[in-house]
Amino acid sequence: MISQQSRLVAITRTVLIVGWLAAVGLPPVILLRARTAWLNDLGRPEVQEQWDAFRIDMQKQTGRDGTVQRKVPKSTEPPLRVWLRDYHWLAIAAWILFGTVLSFFTGVMVMGTVRQIVTPPFLPEESREPERQNV
């Protein structure tokens, strides 16, 4: 019976590690593979024209009176293009850091639950010493 209990703990640990590797490893790999195609798509003149038209529209709306005041974006390029070109490593590092922290605490809770299920109570109720009376 003990070997089945330790086997369950080992299987749970293995599943958690494989899940962590998949959750932390796959999204950065997918981002790096798709990044070149996205940058090529965002480099088309039509995308730049749409961004310029958006900035011009925001510039027209800055002087209006009303409840919503618009600010003209400072970047001359679409934000997604700048992010994919200049900041993708920051996004990957943040993904790995926060994914690891979340996985660690989830793993601690799952392992604690599994160990509590497979471990018998320290002392059964019948074998505990009765409380001593102060006389």
C-alpha atoms as a PDB file:
ATOM      1  CA  MET A   1       0.000   0.000   0.000  1.00  0.00           C
ATOM      2  CA  ILE A   2       2.859   2.379   0.790  1.00  0.00           C
ATOM      3  CA  SER A   3       4.336   1.895  -2.669  1.00  0.00           C
ATOM      4  CA  GLN A   4       1.000   2.872  -4.258  1.00  0.00           C
ATOM      5  CA  GLN A   5       0.874   5.995  -2.121  1.00  0.00           C
ATOM      6  CA  SER A   6       4.403   7.039  -3.032  1.00  0.00           C
ATOM      7  CA  ARG A   7       3.650   6.197  -6.654  1.00  0.00           C
ATOM      8  CA  LEU A   8       0.643   8.526  -6.597  1.00  0.00           C
ATOM      9  CA  VAL A   9       2.827  11.316  -5.194  1.00  0.00           C
ATOM     10  CA  ALA A  10       5.472  10.662  -7.876  1.00  0.00           C
ATOM     11  CA  ILE A  11       2.874  10.666 -10.658  1.00  0.00           C
ATOM     12  CA  THR A  12       1.383  13.907  -9.348  1.00  0.00           C
ATOM     13  CA  ARG A  13       4.822  15.500  -9.174  1.00  0.00           C
ATOM     14  CA  THR A  14       5.593  14.371 -12.740  1.00  0.00           C
ATOM     15  CA  VAL A  15       2.289  15.725 -14.061  1.00  0.00           C
ATOM     16  CA  LEU A  16       2.940  19.071 -12.348  1.00  0.00           C
ATOM     17  CA  ILE A  17       6.444  19.335 -13.825  1.00  0.00           C
ATOM     18  CA  VAL A  18       5.272  18.419 -17.332  1.00  0.00           C
ATOM     19  CA  GLY A  19       2.387  20.895 -16.998  1.00  0.00           C
ATOM     20  CA  TRP A  20       4.783  23.614 -15.861  1.00  0.00           C
ATOM     21  CA  LEU A  21       7.159  22.947 -18.761  1.00  0.00           C
ATOM     22  CA  ALA A  22       4.274  23.075 -21.241  1.00  0.00           C
ATOM     23  CA  ALA A  23       2.708  26.209 -19.732  1.00  0.00           C
ATOM     24  CA  VAL A  24       5.994  28.087 -19.485  1.00  0.00           C
ATOM     25  CA  GLY A  25       7.720  26.768 -22.597  1.00  0.00           C
ATOM     26  CA  LEU A  26       5.120  26.576 -25.351  1.00  0.00           C
ATOM     27  CA  PRO A  27       3.833  30.189 -25.495  1.00  0.00           C
ATOM     28  CA  PRO A  28       7.334  31.732 -25.906  1.00  0.00           C
ATOM     29  CA  VAL A  29       8.168  29.203 -28.627  1.00  0.00           C
ATOM     30  CA  ILE A  30       4.924  29.995 -30.445  1.00  0.00           C
ATOM     31  CA  LEU A  31       5.572  33.740 -30.091  1.00  0.00           C
ATOM     32  CA  LEU A  32       9.089  33.453 -31.487  1.00  0.00           C
ATOM     33  CA  ARG A  33       7.920  31.327 -34.426  1.00  0.00           C
ATOM     34  CA  ALA A  34       5.012  33.645 -35.313  1.00  0.00           C
ATOM     35  CA  ARG A  35       6.920  36.874 -34.654  1.00  0.00           C
ATOM     36  CA  THR A  36       8.602  37.105 -38.070  1.00  0.00           C
ATOM     37  CA  ALA A  37       5.339  36.605 -39.953  1.00  0.00           C
ATOM     38  CA  TRP A  38       3.567  39.159 -37.761  1.00  0.00           C
ATOM     39  CA  LEU A  39       6.336  41.714 -38.248  1.00  0.00           C
ATOM     40  CA  ASN A  40       6.188  41.207 -42.016  1.00  0.00           C
ATOM     41  CA  ASP A  41       2.420  41.642 -41.933  1.00  0.00           C
ATOM     42  CA  LEU A  42       2.667  44.774 -39.763  1.00  0.00           C
ATOM     43  CA  GLY A  43       5.340  46.217 -42.081  1.00  0.00           C
ATOM     44  CA  ARG A  44       2.936  46.527 -44.996  1.00  0.00           C
ATOM     45  CA  PRO A  45       2.151  50.075 -46.156  1.00  0.00           C
ATOM     46  CA  GLU A  46      -1.609  49.579 -45.603  1.00  0.00           C
ATOM     47  CA  VAL A  47      -1.069  48.944 -41.902  1.00  0.00           C
ATOM     48  CA  GLN A  48       1.084  52.071 -41.601  1.00  0.00           C
ATOM     49  CA  GLU A  49      -1.570  54.095 -43.443  1.00  0.00           C
ATOM     50  CA  GLN A  50      -4.248  52.867 -41.025  1.00  0.00           C
ATOM     51  CA  TRP A  51      -2.054  53.844 -38.069  1.00  0.00           C
ATOM     52  CA  ASP A  52      -1.372  57.282 -39.549  1.00  0.00           C
ATOM     53  CA  ALA A  53      -5.101  57.800 -40.179  1.00  0.00           C
ATOM     54  CA  PHE A  54      -5.806  56.827 -36.571  1.00  0.00           C
ATOM     55  CA  ARG A  55      -3.211  59.310 -35.277  1.00  0.00           C
ATOM     56  CA  ILE A  56      -4.653  62.095 -37.466  1.00  0.00           C
ATOM     57  CA  ASP A  57      -8.142  61.307 -36.168  1.00  0.00           C
ATOM     58  CA  MET A  58      -6.874  61.458 -32.577  1.00  0.00           C
ATOM     59  CA  GLN A  59      -5.164  64.757 -33.323  1.00  0.00           C
ATOM     60  CA  LYS A  60      -8.471  66.196 -34.566  1.00  0.00           C
ATOM     61  CA  GLN A  61     -10.208  65.065 -31.385  1.00  0.00           C
ATOM     62  CA  THR A  62      -7.684  66.558 -28.944  1.00  0.00           C
ATOM     63  CA  GLY A  63      -9.033  70.098 -29.036  1.00  0.00           C
ATOM     64  CA  ARG A  64     -12.697  69.216 -28.655  1.00  0.00           C
ATOM     65  CA  ASP A  65     -14.675  70.040 -25.577  1.00  0.00           C
ATOM     66  CA  GLY A  66     -16.416  67.082 -24.027  1.00  0.00           C
ATOM     67  CA  THR A  67     -16.174  64.363 -21.482  1.00  0.00           C
ATOM     68  CA  VAL A  68     -13.483  62.395 -23.316  1.00  0.00           C
ATOM     69  CA  GLN A  69     -10.181  64.040 -24.180  1.00  0.00           C
ATOM     70  CA  ARG A  70      -8.067  62.138 -26.685  1.00  0.00           C
ATOM     71  CA  LYS A  71      -4.283  62.062 -26.664  1.00  0.00           C
ATOM     72  CA  VAL A  72      -2.292  61.633 -29.847  1.00  0.00           C
ATOM     73  CA  PRO A  73      -0.115  58.501 -29.664  1.00  0.00           C
ATOM     74  CA  LYS A  74       3.567  59.440 -29.701  1.00  0.00           C
ATOM     75  CA  SER A  75       4.730  56.441 -31.720  1.00  0.00           C
ATOM     76  CA  THR A  76       4.892  56.821 -35.490  1.00  0.00           C
ATOM     77  CA  GLU A  77       4.581  53.031 -35.806  1.00  0.00           C
ATOM     78  CA  PRO A  78       1.761  50.726 -34.685  1.00  0.00           C
ATOM     79  CA  PRO A  79       2.281  49.659 -31.055  1.00  0.00           C
ATOM     80  CA  LEU A  80       2.135  45.938 -31.825  1.00  0.00           C
ATOM     81  CA  ARG A  81       4.964  46.314 -34.319  1.00  0.00           C
ATOM     82  CA  VAL A  82       7.120  48.166 -31.783  1.00  0.00           C
ATOM     83  CA  TRP A  83       6.307  45.582 -29.112  1.00  0.00           C
ATOM     84  CA  LEU A  84       7.129  42.617 -31.351  1.00  0.00           C
ATOM     85  CA  ARG A  85      10.317  44.211 -32.621  1.00  0.00           C
ATOM     86  CA  ASP A  86      11.756  45.745 -29.443  1.00  0.00           C
ATOM     87  CA  TYR A  87      10.112  44.218 -26.378  1.00  0.00           C
ATOM     88  CA  HIS A  88       9.410  40.561 -27.156  1.00  0.00           C
ATOM     89  CA  TRP A  89      12.196  39.371 -24.827  1.00  0.00           C
ATOM     90  CA  LEU A  90      10.662  41.332 -21.970  1.00  0.00           C
ATOM     91  CA  ALA A  91       7.310  39.665 -22.607  1.00  0.00           C
ATOM     92  CA  ILE A  92       8.938  36.225 -22.669  1.00  0.00           C
ATOM     93  CA  ALA A  93      10.846  36.891 -19.428  1.00  0.00           C
ATOM     94  CA  ALA A  94       7.666  38.135 -17.716  1.00  0.00           C
ATOM     95  CA  TRP A  95       5.729  35.100 -18.961  1.00  0.00           C
ATOM     96  CA  ILE A  96       8.358  32.707 -17.625  1.00  0.00           C
ATOM     97  CA  LEU A  97       8.640  34.523 -14.274  1.00  0.00           C
ATOM     98  CA  PHE A  98       4.925  34.846 -13.556  1.00  0.00           C
ATOM     99  CA  GLY A  99       4.147  31.403 -14.977  1.00  0.00           C
ATOM    100  CA  THR A 100       6.783  29.838 -12.744  1.00  0.00           C
ATOM    101  CA  VAL A 101       5.540  31.639  -9.620  1.00  0.00           C
ATOM    102  CA  LEU A 102       1.940  30.671 -10.333  1.00  0.00           C
ATOM    103  CA  SER A 103       2.916  27.070 -11.097  1.00  0.00           C
ATOM    104  CA  PHE A 104       5.029  26.833  -7.935  1.00  0.00           C
ATOM    105  CA  PHE A 105       2.216  27.901  -5.623  1.00  0.00           C
ATOM    106  CA  THR A 106      -0.311  25.739  -7.468  1.00  0.00           C
ATOM    107  CA  GLY A 107       2.092  22.805  -7.175  1.00  0.00           C
ATOM    108  CA  VAL A 108       2.539  23.385  -3.451  1.00  0.00           C
ATOM    109  CA  MET A 109      -1.231  23.312  -2.936  1.00  0.00           C
ATOM    110  CA  VAL A 110      -1.755  20.226  -5.123  1.00  0.00           C
ATOM    111  CA  MET A 111       1.132  18.301  -3.532  1.00  0.00           C
ATOM    112  CA  GLY A 112      -0.109  19.192  -0.045  1.00  0.00           C
ATOM    113  CA  THR A 113      -3.567  17.939  -0.929  1.00  0.00           C
ATOM    114  CA  VAL A 114      -2.263  14.706  -2.475  1.00  0.00           C
ATOM    115  CA  ARG A 115       0.047  14.000   0.455  1.00  0.00           C
ATOM    116  CA  GLN A 116      -2.776  14.625   2.906  1.00  0.00           C
ATOM    117  CA  ILE A 117      -4.980  12.163   1.008  1.00  0.00           C
ATOM    118  CA  VAL A 118      -2.381   9.381   0.822  1.00  0.00           C
ATOM    119  CA  THR A 119      -0.867   9.797   4.308  1.00  0.00           C
ATOM    120  CA  PRO A 120      -2.780   8.181   7.152  1.00  0.00           C
ATOM    121  CA  PRO A 121      -3.468  10.346  10.187  1.00  0.00           C
ATOM    122  CA  PHE A 122      -0.554  10.660  12.599  1.00  0.00           C
ATOM    123  CA  LEU A 123      -2.404   8.956  15.434  1.00  0.00           C
ATOM    124  CA  PRO A 124      -5.899   7.487  15.255  1.00  0.00           C
ATOM    125  CA  GLU A 125      -8.425   8.785  17.794  1.00  0.00           C
ATOM    126  CA  GLU A 126      -8.422   5.550  19.839  1.00  0.00           C
ATOM    127  CA  SER A 127      -4.670   5.470  20.436  1.00  0.00           C
ATOM    128  CA  ARG A 128      -4.326   9.007  21.757  1.00  0.00           C
ATOM    129  CA  GLU A 129      -3.611   9.395  25.445  1.00  0.00           C
ATOM    130  CA  PRO A 130      -6.484  10.662  27.522  1.00  0.00           C
ATOM    131  CA  GLU A 131      -5.947  14.134  28.895  1.00  0.00           C
ATOM    132  CA  ARG A 132      -4.465  14.172  32.390  1.00  0.00           C
ATOM    133  CA  GLN A 133      -6.485  15.679  35.165  1.00  0.00           C
ATOM    134  CA  ASN A 134      -4.697  18.138  37.408  1.00  0.00           C
ATOM    135  CA  VAL A 135      -5.393  16.941  40.938  1.00  0.00           C
END
